[in-house]
Amino acid sequence: MHIDVLDFAPAARRAGLFARLRGAVAHRIAERRAYNRVFDELLKLDRREMDELGIGPADFDAIARGTYRR
């Protein structure tokens, strides 16, 4: 009995696709956890601390996403 290696190519592609999808989901979950951690810390700041840093509540989203620019 001869089994051609090409017979397994579609299954290998599906497995690779699943691995990439799983990695993408894991990456997105890690990003969201980091965002939530930073955002929660920013919520703990009082007005005086925000004034010293030169930020306001409207800046929290951009800071947590890492896109904040002064």
PDB file of N, CA and C in Angstrom:
ATOM      1  N   MET A   1       0.844  -1.174   0.000  1.00  0.00           N
ATOM      2  CA  MET A   1       0.000   0.000   0.000  1.00  0.00           C
ATOM      3  C   MET A   1       0.889   1.236   0.000  1.00  0.00           C
ATOM      4  N   HIS A   2       0.581   2.148  -0.896  1.00  0.00           N
ATOM      5  CA  HIS A   2       1.363   3.370  -1.025  1.00  0.00           C
ATOM      6  C   HIS A   2       0.511   4.562  -0.574  1.00  0.00           C
ATOM      7  N   ILE A   3       1.034   5.352   0.327  1.00  0.00           N
ATOM      8  CA  ILE A   3       0.326   6.552   0.785  1.00  0.00           C
ATOM      9  C   ILE A   3       1.119   7.747   0.306  1.00  0.00           C
ATOM     10  N   ASP A   4       0.463   8.578  -0.442  1.00  0.00           N
ATOM     11  CA  ASP A   4       1.108   9.782  -0.972  1.00  0.00           C
ATOM     12  C   ASP A   4       1.136  10.847   0.121  1.00  0.00           C
ATOM     13  N   VAL A   5       2.250  11.525   0.256  1.00  0.00           N
ATOM     14  CA  VAL A   5       2.394  12.572   1.264  1.00  0.00           C
ATOM     15  C   VAL A   5       1.384  13.691   1.024  1.00  0.00           C
ATOM     16  N   LEU A   6       1.040  13.921  -0.212  1.00  0.00           N
ATOM     17  CA  LEU A   6       0.095  14.992  -0.520  1.00  0.00           C
ATOM     18  C   LEU A   6      -1.291  14.722   0.038  1.00  0.00           C
ATOM     19  N   ASP A   7      -1.618  13.474   0.340  1.00  0.00           N
ATOM     20  CA  ASP A   7      -2.918  13.148   0.935  1.00  0.00           C
ATOM     21  C   ASP A   7      -3.105  13.828   2.283  1.00  0.00           C
ATOM     22  N   PHE A   8      -2.020  14.132   2.982  1.00  0.00           N
ATOM     23  CA  PHE A   8      -2.093  14.718   4.302  1.00  0.00           C
ATOM     24  C   PHE A   8      -1.983  16.243   4.289  1.00  0.00           C
ATOM     25  N   ALA A   9      -1.748  16.827   3.155  1.00  0.00           N
ATOM     26  CA  ALA A   9      -1.559  18.267   3.070  1.00  0.00           C
ATOM     27  C   ALA A   9      -2.771  19.057   3.567  1.00  0.00           C
ATOM     28  N   PRO A  10      -4.020  18.738   3.177  1.00  0.00           N
ATOM     29  CA  PRO A  10      -5.155  19.518   3.687  1.00  0.00           C
ATOM     30  C   PRO A  10      -5.281  19.448   5.200  1.00  0.00           C
ATOM     31  N   ALA A  11      -5.065  18.285   5.785  1.00  0.00           N
ATOM     32  CA  ALA A  11      -5.146  18.161   7.240  1.00  0.00           C
ATOM     33  C   ALA A  11      -4.057  18.979   7.912  1.00  0.00           C
ATOM     34  N   ALA A  12      -2.868  18.980   7.335  1.00  0.00           N
ATOM     35  CA  ALA A  12      -1.767  19.760   7.903  1.00  0.00           C
ATOM     36  C   ALA A  12      -2.074  21.249   7.828  1.00  0.00           C
ATOM     37  N   ARG A  13      -2.684  21.664   6.719  1.00  0.00           N
ATOM     38  CA  ARG A  13      -3.050  23.082   6.601  1.00  0.00           C
ATOM     39  C   ARG A  13      -4.096  23.466   7.636  1.00  0.00           C
ATOM     40  N   ARG A  14      -5.076  22.577   7.849  1.00  0.00           N
ATOM     41  CA  ARG A  14      -6.102  22.865   8.861  1.00  0.00           C
ATOM     42  C   ARG A  14      -5.483  22.957  10.240  1.00  0.00           C
ATOM     43  N   ALA A  15      -4.553  22.058  10.531  1.00  0.00           N
ATOM     44  CA  ALA A  15      -3.886  22.073  11.833  1.00  0.00           C
ATOM     45  C   ALA A  15      -3.084  23.356  11.990  1.00  0.00           C
ATOM     46  N   GLY A  16      -2.409  23.783  10.918  1.00  0.00           N
ATOM     47  CA  GLY A  16      -1.642  25.028  10.975  1.00  0.00           C
ATOM     48  C   GLY A  16      -2.545  26.234  11.136  1.00  0.00           C
ATOM     49  N   LEU A  17      -3.674  26.204  10.455  1.00  0.00           N
ATOM     50  CA  LEU A  17      -4.641  27.290  10.574  1.00  0.00           C
ATOM     51  C   LEU A  17      -5.187  27.367  11.988  1.00  0.00           C
ATOM     52  N   PHE A  18      -5.511  26.210  12.558  1.00  0.00           N
ATOM     53  CA  PHE A  18      -6.012  26.181  13.929  1.00  0.00           C
ATOM     54  C   PHE A  18      -4.966  26.704  14.911  1.00  0.00           C
ATOM     55  N   ALA A  19      -3.723  26.331  14.716  1.00  0.00           N
ATOM     56  CA  ALA A  19      -2.650  26.796  15.603  1.00  0.00           C
ATOM     57  C   ALA A  19      -2.485  28.310  15.507  1.00  0.00           C
ATOM     58  N   ARG A  20      -2.555  28.849  14.294  1.00  0.00           N
ATOM     59  CA  ARG A  20      -2.456  30.312  14.124  1.00  0.00           C
ATOM     60  C   ARG A  20      -3.646  31.011  14.753  1.00  0.00           C
ATOM     61  N   LEU A  21      -4.831  30.450  14.582  1.00  0.00           N
ATOM     62  CA  LEU A  21      -6.034  31.031  15.172  1.00  0.00           C
ATOM     63  C   LEU A  21      -5.941  31.019  16.688  1.00  0.00           C
ATOM     64  N   ARG A  22      -5.517  29.884  17.235  1.00  0.00           N
ATOM     65  CA  ARG A  22      -5.368  29.775  18.685  1.00  0.00           C
ATOM     66  C   ARG A  22      -4.339  30.784  19.199  1.00  0.00           C
ATOM     67  N   GLY A  23      -3.245  30.945  18.463  1.00  0.00           N
ATOM     68  CA  GLY A  23      -2.231  31.923  18.852  1.00  0.00           C
ATOM     69  C   GLY A  23      -2.754  33.344  18.784  1.00  0.00           C
ATOM     70  N   ALA A  24      -3.553  33.638  17.757  1.00  0.00           N
ATOM     71  CA  ALA A  24      -4.118  34.978  17.623  1.00  0.00           C
ATOM     72  C   ALA A  24      -5.089  35.278  18.757  1.00  0.00           C
ATOM     73  N   VAL A  25      -5.896  34.298  19.122  1.00  0.00           N
ATOM     74  CA  VAL A  25      -6.847  34.486  20.223  1.00  0.00           C
ATOM     75  C   VAL A  25      -6.097  34.677  21.541  1.00  0.00           C
ATOM     76  N   ALA A  26      -5.081  33.874  21.766  1.00  0.00           N
ATOM     77  CA  ALA A  26      -4.289  34.001  22.993  1.00  0.00           C
ATOM     78  C   ALA A  26      -3.612  35.369  23.061  1.00  0.00           C
ATOM     79  N   HIS A  27      -3.109  35.838  21.917  1.00  0.00           N
ATOM     80  CA  HIS A  27      -2.472  37.154  21.865  1.00  0.00           C
ATOM     81  C   HIS A  27      -3.482  38.253  22.179  1.00  0.00           C
ATOM     82  N   ARG A  28      -4.672  38.160  21.620  1.00  0.00           N
ATOM     83  CA  ARG A  28      -5.716  39.158  21.851  1.00  0.00           C
ATOM     84  C   ARG A  28      -6.143  39.186  23.317  1.00  0.00           C
ATOM     85  N   ILE A  29      -6.247  38.003  23.924  1.00  0.00           N
ATOM     86  CA  ILE A  29      -6.603  37.927  25.343  1.00  0.00           C
ATOM     87  C   ILE A  29      -5.516  38.569  26.194  1.00  0.00           C
ATOM     88  N   ALA A  30      -4.257  38.312  25.879  1.00  0.00           N
ATOM     89  CA  ALA A  30      -3.144  38.911  26.627  1.00  0.00           C
ATOM     90  C   ALA A  30      -3.145  40.429  26.470  1.00  0.00           C
ATOM     91  N   GLU A  31      -3.406  40.912  25.249  1.00  0.00           N
ATOM     92  CA  GLU A  31      -3.480  42.364  25.031  1.00  0.00           C
ATOM     93  C   GLU A  31      -4.600  42.981  25.856  1.00  0.00           C
ATOM     94  N   ARG A  32      -5.754  42.334  25.886  1.00  0.00           N
ATOM     95  CA  ARG A  32      -6.898  42.867  26.626  1.00  0.00           C
ATOM     96  C   ARG A  32      -6.619  42.893  28.119  1.00  0.00           C
ATOM     97  N   ARG A  33      -5.961  41.861  28.627  1.00  0.00           N
ATOM     98  CA  ARG A  33      -5.616  41.843  30.054  1.00  0.00           C
ATOM     99  C   ARG A  33      -4.667  42.983  30.389  1.00  0.00           C
ATOM    100  N   ALA A  34      -3.692  43.221  29.540  1.00  0.00           N
ATOM    101  CA  ALA A  34      -2.749  44.316  29.769  1.00  0.00           C
ATOM    102  C   ALA A  34      -3.477  45.657  29.727  1.00  0.00           C
ATOM    103  N   TYR A  35      -4.367  45.826  28.752  1.00  0.00           N
ATOM    104  CA  TYR A  35      -5.163  47.055  28.644  1.00  0.00           C
ATOM    105  C   TYR A  35      -5.963  47.267  29.931  1.00  0.00           C
ATOM    106  N   ASN A  36      -6.657  46.232  30.383  1.00  0.00           N
ATOM    107  CA  ASN A  36      -7.481  46.344  31.590  1.00  0.00           C
ATOM    108  C   ASN A  36      -6.644  46.668  32.813  1.00  0.00           C
ATOM    109  N   ARG A  37      -5.447  46.071  32.904  1.00  0.00           N
ATOM    110  CA  ARG A  37      -4.569  46.333  34.046  1.00  0.00           C
ATOM    111  C   ARG A  37      -4.161  47.806  34.088  1.00  0.00           C
ATOM    112  N   VAL A  38      -3.760  48.352  32.934  1.00  0.00           N
ATOM    113  CA  VAL A  38      -3.351  49.765  32.871  1.00  0.00           C
ATOM    114  C   VAL A  38      -4.544  50.673  33.132  1.00  0.00           C
ATOM    115  N   PHE A  39      -5.677  50.384  32.502  1.00  0.00           N
ATOM    116  CA  PHE A  39      -6.855  51.218  32.669  1.00  0.00           C
ATOM    117  C   PHE A  39      -7.304  51.244  34.134  1.00  0.00           C
ATOM    118  N   ASP A  40      -7.287  50.088  34.785  1.00  0.00           N
ATOM    119  CA  ASP A  40      -7.667  50.025  36.200  1.00  0.00           C
ATOM    120  C   ASP A  40      -6.729  50.858  37.073  1.00  0.00           C
ATOM    121  N   GLU A  41      -5.442  50.841  36.767  1.00  0.00           N
ATOM    122  CA  GLU A  41      -4.497  51.665  37.527  1.00  0.00           C
ATOM    123  C   GLU A  41      -4.772  53.154  37.303  1.00  0.00           C
ATOM    124  N   LEU A  42      -5.093  53.517  36.081  1.00  0.00           N
ATOM    125  CA  LEU A  42      -5.391  54.922  35.800  1.00  0.00           C
ATOM    126  C   LEU A  42      -6.642  55.390  36.535  1.00  0.00           C
ATOM    127  N   LEU A  43      -7.605  54.510  36.686  1.00  0.00           N
ATOM    128  CA  LEU A  43      -8.831  54.864  37.406  1.00  0.00           C
ATOM    129  C   LEU A  43      -8.574  55.159  38.883  1.00  0.00           C
ATOM    130  N   LYS A  44      -7.481  54.665  39.407  1.00  0.00           N
ATOM    131  CA  LYS A  44      -7.140  54.895  40.812  1.00  0.00           C
ATOM    132  C   LYS A  44      -6.536  56.281  41.056  1.00  0.00           C
ATOM    133  N   LEU A  45      -6.147  56.977  39.978  1.00  0.00           N
ATOM    134  CA  LEU A  45      -5.539  58.297  40.138  1.00  0.00           C
ATOM    135  C   LEU A  45      -6.584  59.315  40.569  1.00  0.00           C
ATOM    136  N   ASP A  46      -6.168  60.228  41.458  1.00  0.00           N
ATOM    137  CA  ASP A  46      -7.069  61.331  41.804  1.00  0.00           C
ATOM    138  C   ASP A  46      -6.738  62.536  40.918  1.00  0.00           C
ATOM    139  N   ARG A  47      -7.517  63.583  41.030  1.00  0.00           N
ATOM    140  CA  ARG A  47      -7.375  64.757  40.165  1.00  0.00           C
ATOM    141  C   ARG A  47      -5.982  65.377  40.280  1.00  0.00           C
ATOM    142  N   ARG A  48      -5.453  65.458  41.497  1.00  0.00           N
ATOM    143  CA  ARG A  48      -4.130  66.055  41.692  1.00  0.00           C
ATOM    144  C   ARG A  48      -3.054  65.262  40.954  1.00  0.00           C
ATOM    145  N   GLU A  49      -3.114  63.957  41.063  1.00  0.00           N
ATOM    146  CA  GLU A  49      -2.124  63.112  40.380  1.00  0.00           C
ATOM    147  C   GLU A  49      -2.245  63.237  38.859  1.00  0.00           C
ATOM    148  N   MET A  50      -3.480  63.300  38.370  1.00  0.00           N
ATOM    149  CA  MET A  50      -3.673  63.472  36.922  1.00  0.00           C
ATOM    150  C   MET A  50      -3.128  64.821  36.464  1.00  0.00           C
ATOM    151  N   ASP A  51      -3.346  65.860  37.263  1.00  0.00           N
ATOM    152  CA  ASP A  51      -2.816  67.183  36.916  1.00  0.00           C
ATOM    153  C   ASP A  51      -1.293  67.177  36.878  1.00  0.00           C
ATOM    154  N   GLU A  52      -0.665  66.494  37.829  1.00  0.00           N
ATOM    155  CA  GLU A  52       0.798  66.405  37.849  1.00  0.00           C
ATOM    156  C   GLU A  52       1.325  65.682  36.601  1.00  0.00           C
ATOM    157  N   LEU A  53       0.596  64.692  36.146  1.00  0.00           N
ATOM    158  CA  LEU A  53       1.006  63.935  34.965  1.00  0.00           C
ATOM    159  C   LEU A  53       0.587  64.614  33.661  1.00  0.00           C
ATOM    160  N   GLY A  54      -0.291  65.584  33.768  1.00  0.00           N
ATOM    161  CA  GLY A  54      -0.760  66.291  32.578  1.00  0.00           C
ATOM    162  C   GLY A  54      -1.738  65.470  31.748  1.00  0.00           C
ATOM    163  N   ILE A  55      -2.515  64.648  32.416  1.00  0.00           N
ATOM    164  CA  ILE A  55      -3.506  63.826  31.721  1.00  0.00           C
ATOM    165  C   ILE A  55      -4.873  64.026  32.354  1.00  0.00           C
ATOM    166  N   GLY A  56      -5.890  63.570  31.658  1.00  0.00           N
ATOM    167  CA  GLY A  56      -7.247  63.600  32.173  1.00  0.00           C
ATOM    168  C   GLY A  56      -7.938  62.290  31.867  1.00  0.00           C
ATOM    169  N   PRO A  57      -9.134  62.121  32.406  1.00  0.00           N
ATOM    170  CA  PRO A  57      -9.874  60.876  32.172  1.00  0.00           C
ATOM    171  C   PRO A  57     -10.089  60.569  30.683  1.00  0.00           C
ATOM    172  N   ALA A  58     -10.183  61.585  29.855  1.00  0.00           N
ATOM    173  CA  ALA A  58     -10.385  61.369  28.422  1.00  0.00           C
ATOM    174  C   ALA A  58      -9.160  60.721  27.765  1.00  0.00           C
ATOM    175  N   ASP A  59      -8.014  60.801  28.412  1.00  0.00           N
ATOM    176  CA  ASP A  59      -6.777  60.226  27.871  1.00  0.00           C
ATOM    177  C   ASP A  59      -6.575  58.761  28.246  1.00  0.00           C
ATOM    178  N   PHE A  60      -7.364  58.255  29.167  1.00  0.00           N
ATOM    179  CA  PHE A  60      -7.138  56.908  29.701  1.00  0.00           C
ATOM    180  C   PHE A  60      -7.150  55.834  28.622  1.00  0.00           C
ATOM    181  N   ASP A  61      -8.099  55.891  27.716  1.00  0.00           N
ATOM    182  CA  ASP A  61      -8.182  54.859  26.684  1.00  0.00           C
ATOM    183  C   ASP A  61      -6.913  54.838  25.830  1.00  0.00           C
ATOM    184  N   ALA A  62      -6.481  56.010  25.383  1.00  0.00           N
ATOM    185  CA  ALA A  62      -5.281  56.076  24.540  1.00  0.00           C
ATOM    186  C   ALA A  62      -4.034  55.631  25.313  1.00  0.00           C
ATOM    187  N   ILE A  63      -3.953  55.976  26.581  1.00  0.00           N
ATOM    188  CA  ILE A  63      -2.804  55.568  27.393  1.00  0.00           C
ATOM    189  C   ILE A  63      -2.788  54.047  27.537  1.00  0.00           C
ATOM    190  N   ALA A  64      -3.945  53.471  27.854  1.00  0.00           N
ATOM    191  CA  ALA A  64      -4.024  52.020  28.040  1.00  0.00           C
ATOM    192  C   ALA A  64      -3.744  51.268  26.737  1.00  0.00           C
ATOM    193  N   ARG A  65      -4.107  51.843  25.601  1.00  0.00           N
ATOM    194  CA  ARG A  65      -3.846  51.206  24.308  1.00  0.00           C
ATOM    195  C   ARG A  65      -2.404  51.429  23.840  1.00  0.00           C
ATOM    196  N   GLY A  66      -1.716  52.392  24.461  1.00  0.00           N
ATOM    197  CA  GLY A  66      -0.338  52.679  24.063  1.00  0.00           C
ATOM    198  C   GLY A  66      -0.253  53.619  22.891  1.00  0.00           C
ATOM    199  N   THR A  67      -1.327  54.365  22.619  1.00  0.00           N
ATOM    200  CA  THR A  67      -1.352  55.278  21.480  1.00  0.00           C
ATOM    201  C   THR A  67      -1.367  56.738  21.910  1.00  0.00           C
ATOM    202  N   TYR A  68      -1.196  57.007  23.195  1.00  0.00           N
ATOM    203  CA  TYR A  68      -1.276  58.383  23.708  1.00  0.00           C
ATOM    204  C   TYR A  68      -0.096  59.211  23.218  1.00  0.00           C
ATOM    205  N   ARG A  69      -0.388  60.400  22.736  1.00  0.00           N
ATOM    206  CA  ARG A  69       0.639  61.361  22.323  1.00  0.00           C
ATOM    207  C   ARG A  69       0.331  62.707  22.980  1.00  0.00           C
ATOM    208  N   ARG A  70       1.354  63.375  23.441  1.00  0.00           N
ATOM    209  CA  ARG A  70       1.179  64.715  24.027  1.00  0.00           C
ATOM    210  C   ARG A  70       1.272  65.752  22.961  1.00  0.00           C
TER     211      ARG A  70
END
